[in-house]
Amino acid sequence: MAQTTVNVRMDATLKKQMERLCGELGMSISTAVTIFAKTAVREQRIPFELRLPTSKPPLSIEEMSVSDFDAKIQAGLAAIAAGRVRPAKDVFSAMQRKYGI
């Protein structure tokens, strides 16, 4: 089967994240895109659901009441005391995925 080249433009950070993910899965980005294309053609659809996020981003400090802010701080302190902590980069990545920010 003859091969052709496809160029895809994306944010540099997203590309690095995709390279890391594909590497962990034992494949290249090229292989992942080929899998996507084959699945889309076979199923005659985009092989995942496209929708707007239903989750709203957390309120900013300016949008919170004093009691809301105090409750968030207390919940955070309780989580730290209970050992429920994660590296900041993991938290920001999760927020980007969940809220698209």
C-alpha atoms as a PDB file:
ATOM      1  CA  MET A   1       0.000   0.000   0.000  1.00  0.00           C
ATOM      2  CA  ALA A   2       1.380   3.412  -0.968  1.00  0.00           C
ATOM      3  CA  GLN A   3       2.107   5.812   1.868  1.00  0.00           C
ATOM      4  CA  THR A   4       1.497   9.562   1.954  1.00  0.00           C
ATOM      5  CA  THR A   5       2.368  12.334   4.377  1.00  0.00           C
ATOM      6  CA  VAL A   6      -0.172  14.279   6.428  1.00  0.00           C
ATOM      7  CA  ASN A   7       0.865  17.415   8.317  1.00  0.00           C
ATOM      8  CA  VAL A   8      -0.987  18.295  11.522  1.00  0.00           C
ATOM      9  CA  ARG A   9      -0.505  21.573  13.346  1.00  0.00           C
ATOM     10  CA  MET A  10      -0.999  21.653  17.105  1.00  0.00           C
ATOM     11  CA  ASP A  11       0.197  23.439  20.211  1.00  0.00           C
ATOM     12  CA  ALA A  12       3.742  22.421  21.195  1.00  0.00           C
ATOM     13  CA  THR A  13       2.649  21.451  24.720  1.00  0.00           C
ATOM     14  CA  LEU A  14      -0.145  19.261  23.374  1.00  0.00           C
ATOM     15  CA  LYS A  15       2.324  17.590  21.001  1.00  0.00           C
ATOM     16  CA  LYS A  16       4.676  16.769  23.878  1.00  0.00           C
ATOM     17  CA  GLN A  17       1.782  15.371  25.913  1.00  0.00           C
ATOM     18  CA  MET A  18       0.673  13.273  22.940  1.00  0.00           C
ATOM     19  CA  GLU A  19       4.210  11.992  22.335  1.00  0.00           C
ATOM     20  CA  ARG A  20       4.450  11.003  26.000  1.00  0.00           C
ATOM     21  CA  LEU A  21       1.090   9.219  25.941  1.00  0.00           C
ATOM     22  CA  CYS A  22       1.824   7.418  22.675  1.00  0.00           C
ATOM     23  CA  GLY A  23       5.254   6.414  23.965  1.00  0.00           C
ATOM     24  CA  GLU A  24       3.682   4.920  27.074  1.00  0.00           C
ATOM     25  CA  LEU A  25       1.310   2.994  24.793  1.00  0.00           C
ATOM     26  CA  GLY A  26       4.246   1.789  22.680  1.00  0.00           C
ATOM     27  CA  MET A  27       3.400   3.713  19.525  1.00  0.00           C
ATOM     28  CA  SER A  28       4.184   6.915  17.664  1.00  0.00           C
ATOM     29  CA  ILE A  29       1.828   9.820  17.022  1.00  0.00           C
ATOM     30  CA  SER A  30       1.758   8.681  13.394  1.00  0.00           C
ATOM     31  CA  THR A  31       0.487   5.254  14.440  1.00  0.00           C
ATOM     32  CA  ALA A  32      -2.147   6.830  16.729  1.00  0.00           C
ATOM     33  CA  VAL A  33      -3.404   9.071  13.904  1.00  0.00           C
ATOM     34  CA  THR A  34      -3.527   6.073  11.539  1.00  0.00           C
ATOM     35  CA  ILE A  35      -5.560   4.108  14.107  1.00  0.00           C
ATOM     36  CA  PHE A  36      -7.917   7.081  14.446  1.00  0.00           C
ATOM     37  CA  ALA A  37      -8.309   7.387  10.646  1.00  0.00           C
ATOM     38  CA  LYS A  38      -8.907   3.654  10.115  1.00  0.00           C
ATOM     39  CA  THR A  39     -11.490   3.555  12.894  1.00  0.00           C
ATOM     40  CA  ALA A  40     -13.279   6.677  11.593  1.00  0.00           C
ATOM     41  CA  VAL A  41     -13.448   5.256   8.058  1.00  0.00           C
ATOM     42  CA  ARG A  42     -14.553   1.795   9.225  1.00  0.00           C
ATOM     43  CA  GLU A  43     -17.276   3.189  11.527  1.00  0.00           C
ATOM     44  CA  GLN A  44     -18.158   6.149   9.271  1.00  0.00           C
ATOM     45  CA  ARG A  45     -18.068   8.507  12.229  1.00  0.00           C
ATOM     46  CA  ILE A  46     -15.672  10.248  14.601  1.00  0.00           C
ATOM     47  CA  PRO A  47     -14.903   7.362  16.990  1.00  0.00           C
ATOM     48  CA  PHE A  48     -15.604   9.308  20.163  1.00  0.00           C
ATOM     49  CA  GLU A  49     -18.284  11.620  21.445  1.00  0.00           C
ATOM     50  CA  LEU A  50     -17.900  15.312  20.654  1.00  0.00           C
ATOM     51  CA  ARG A  51     -19.609  17.549  23.176  1.00  0.00           C
ATOM     52  CA  LEU A  52     -19.167  20.695  25.167  1.00  0.00           C
ATOM     53  CA  PRO A  53     -17.955  20.201  28.728  1.00  0.00           C
ATOM     54  CA  THR A  54     -20.798  19.965  31.215  1.00  0.00           C
ATOM     55  CA  SER A  55     -18.596  20.833  34.152  1.00  0.00           C
ATOM     56  CA  LYS A  56     -18.151  24.474  34.949  1.00  0.00           C
ATOM     57  CA  PRO A  57     -14.729  25.718  36.001  1.00  0.00           C
ATOM     58  CA  PRO A  58     -14.380  26.469  39.702  1.00  0.00           C
ATOM     59  CA  LEU A  59     -15.314  29.948  40.813  1.00  0.00           C
ATOM     60  CA  SER A  60     -12.552  32.520  40.925  1.00  0.00           C
ATOM     61  CA  ILE A  61     -11.838  34.236  44.231  1.00  0.00           C
ATOM     62  CA  GLU A  62     -13.665  37.324  42.965  1.00  0.00           C
ATOM     63  CA  GLU A  63     -16.823  35.257  42.398  1.00  0.00           C
ATOM     64  CA  MET A  64     -16.812  33.607  45.849  1.00  0.00           C
ATOM     65  CA  SER A  65     -18.416  34.846  49.005  1.00  0.00           C
ATOM     66  CA  VAL A  66     -16.229  34.987  52.105  1.00  0.00           C
ATOM     67  CA  SER A  67     -17.961  31.918  53.523  1.00  0.00           C
ATOM     68  CA  ASP A  68     -17.478  29.990  50.234  1.00  0.00           C
ATOM     69  CA  PHE A  69     -13.790  30.919  50.240  1.00  0.00           C
ATOM     70  CA  ASP A  70     -13.382  29.899  53.887  1.00  0.00           C
ATOM     71  CA  ALA A  71     -15.114  26.574  53.196  1.00  0.00           C
ATOM     72  CA  LYS A  72     -12.769  25.864  50.261  1.00  0.00           C
ATOM     73  CA  ILE A  73      -9.714  26.667  52.389  1.00  0.00           C
ATOM     74  CA  GLN A  74     -10.949  24.431  55.218  1.00  0.00           C
ATOM     75  CA  ALA A  75     -11.671  21.589  52.776  1.00  0.00           C
ATOM     76  CA  GLY A  76      -8.175  21.979  51.321  1.00  0.00           C
ATOM     77  CA  LEU A  77      -6.544  21.901  54.746  1.00  0.00           C
ATOM     78  CA  ALA A  78      -8.540  18.798  55.669  1.00  0.00           C
ATOM     79  CA  ALA A  79      -7.450  17.099  52.425  1.00  0.00           C
ATOM     80  CA  ILE A  80      -3.795  17.901  53.168  1.00  0.00           C
ATOM     81  CA  ALA A  81      -4.133  16.578  56.707  1.00  0.00           C
ATOM     82  CA  ALA A  82      -5.668  13.366  55.325  1.00  0.00           C
ATOM     83  CA  GLY A  83      -2.806  12.958  52.843  1.00  0.00           C
ATOM     84  CA  ARG A  84      -4.938  13.582  49.769  1.00  0.00           C
ATOM     85  CA  VAL A  85      -2.374  15.583  47.826  1.00  0.00           C
ATOM     86  CA  ARG A  86      -1.131  15.580  44.211  1.00  0.00           C
ATOM     87  CA  PRO A  87       1.635  17.436  42.382  1.00  0.00           C
ATOM     88  CA  ALA A  88       0.456  20.786  41.009  1.00  0.00           C
ATOM     89  CA  LYS A  89       1.308  19.798  37.420  1.00  0.00           C
ATOM     90  CA  ASP A  90      -1.086  16.829  37.707  1.00  0.00           C
ATOM     91  CA  VAL A  91      -3.837  19.075  39.058  1.00  0.00           C
ATOM     92  CA  PHE A  92      -3.388  21.621  36.253  1.00  0.00           C
ATOM     93  CA  SER A  93      -3.367  18.870  33.605  1.00  0.00           C
ATOM     94  CA  ALA A  94      -6.588  17.432  35.024  1.00  0.00           C
ATOM     95  CA  MET A  95      -8.197  20.884  35.013  1.00  0.00           C
ATOM     96  CA  GLN A  96      -7.173  21.429  31.406  1.00  0.00           C
ATOM     97  CA  ARG A  97      -8.728  18.115  30.395  1.00  0.00           C
ATOM     98  CA  LYS A  98     -11.895  18.612  32.421  1.00  0.00           C
ATOM     99  CA  TYR A  99     -12.560  22.303  31.772  1.00  0.00           C
ATOM    100  CA  GLY A 100     -10.606  22.995  28.576  1.00  0.00           C
ATOM    101  CA  ILE A 101      -8.666  25.810  30.249  1.00  0.00           C
END
